[in-house]
Amino acid sequence: MQPDPIELYLHASSTAIRDRVLARIRRYVEIETPSDHEDALVGLAIVVEQDLVASGAVVQRIDAPGRGRNLVATFADRNPPGAQPIVTLAHMDTVHDIGTLATRPFTVSNGRASGPGIYDMKAGLALLVESMAWHAANAVARNRPVIMLFTCDEEVGSHSSRGLIDQYARIAAAVLVPEPCTPDGGVKTGRKGVATYRVEVTGRAAHAGIDPGAAVSAIAELVHQSERILEFKDHAKGTTINIGTIEGGSATNVVAAHANAGVDVRLAVAGEDARVHAALMGLTPVHPEAIVKVTLSESRPPLIRNDAVVGVYEKAREFARALGVDLTEGSTGGGSDGSLAAATGAAVLDGLGPRGGGAHAVDEHILIDDLPFRMALLCRLLEGL
């Protein structure tokens, strides 16, 4: 029987590697961290900081009032002087409320580990921390310094962390993002951009039976605007538009004075963001007495598969091949902080996290037998890029 290349590289059995990573994942999953819970996110940041310091990091805390705490961990030992760093991105927040763990606890069954936030992205976060613990234990001589960003508000727009991502992506030789991989286990070399808008309409209320002629229906106006908004799509260019929420009115016998809609825009190519934004911000009322207000609440550019991205992917594929795996690539319609890093021109490789499914859902899970490979690939990338 041929020796397992992953076990040879990591100097341990696959079972030992899997169990070690899984223990750290469990520790992080069992600290619930919804994006709107500042104290919980600070609590996880404290634990992650302690783990990083134990592996030799110098950690900078950047508090984000109302959000939590961002961390910047620098591993600068055992590197050639003056080398550009490898930068990693991971977020500590999840979409699951406090108390979810009580009904859906961390469990391991039938080759899966489940729990709130495990797939997006507590497992990827734990793999990063574990990889540097392995580097420290094995005195690995890296080609470059490593800077790890752990952020607290990715799921709600990365508002407190965008400046940090931009700052460190601009100096990076490469940016690695252990968000979930593609369904077949590949990395992500492309992502659609995301823009979220709120459309608010103000009309004038009146009794629907007695005085309808005096009213200006905000709901009727919003219906007209919704038809216009959907016309801004361009599927040939990968631009999709979804009106995901509509609210308005106070009673069936009252003509609505207020209504609003939430609009999700996904963009695959550069330039479409400006076109769609101009179109949405240029909406005018159909009824002359209605008021239409459009607000951009979140935006992320696309991660475009370019020469820089392909270059780091090819290097990762070479490392994966040495570990016995043919690493594929793919793209996704979802956004991540990798897109923000890519907008600076950085060479970004996203989707380095483990296989699984159920992101943001009740069946969120990872495949535990995939952990040794993901661990080995991250360690090798951080060592050899």
Foldseek 3Di string as FASTA:
>chain_A
DDDQLLCVLLVHDLVVLLVVLVVQLQVLLVQAAAQQDAVSQQVSVVVLVVLLVVLPWDKDWDADPRGYIKIKTKAAPLEDPPDQAEEEEAESHANDDPPQCVVVNFDDDPQKTDGGCVQRDSSLSSLVSVLSSSCSVVVFRFHHMYIYMYHGHFVQACPVNLVVLLVSLLRHQEYEYQHAAPQVQAWAQKEWKKWKKKKKKFWAKDFQPPCVVVTDARVVQVVVVVVVLQVLADVVQPKGKDFDDKDWDDDPRMRTRMIMTMMMITGGDPPSVVVSVVSVCPDDTPDPRMDMHMDIRHIFHMNHNDPLQVVLSVVLQVQLVSSVDRHDYDYYHDDGCQRSSVVSVHHYIGNLHAHFDDGVHSGGIGRSSRSSSSSSSVSCSRRYD
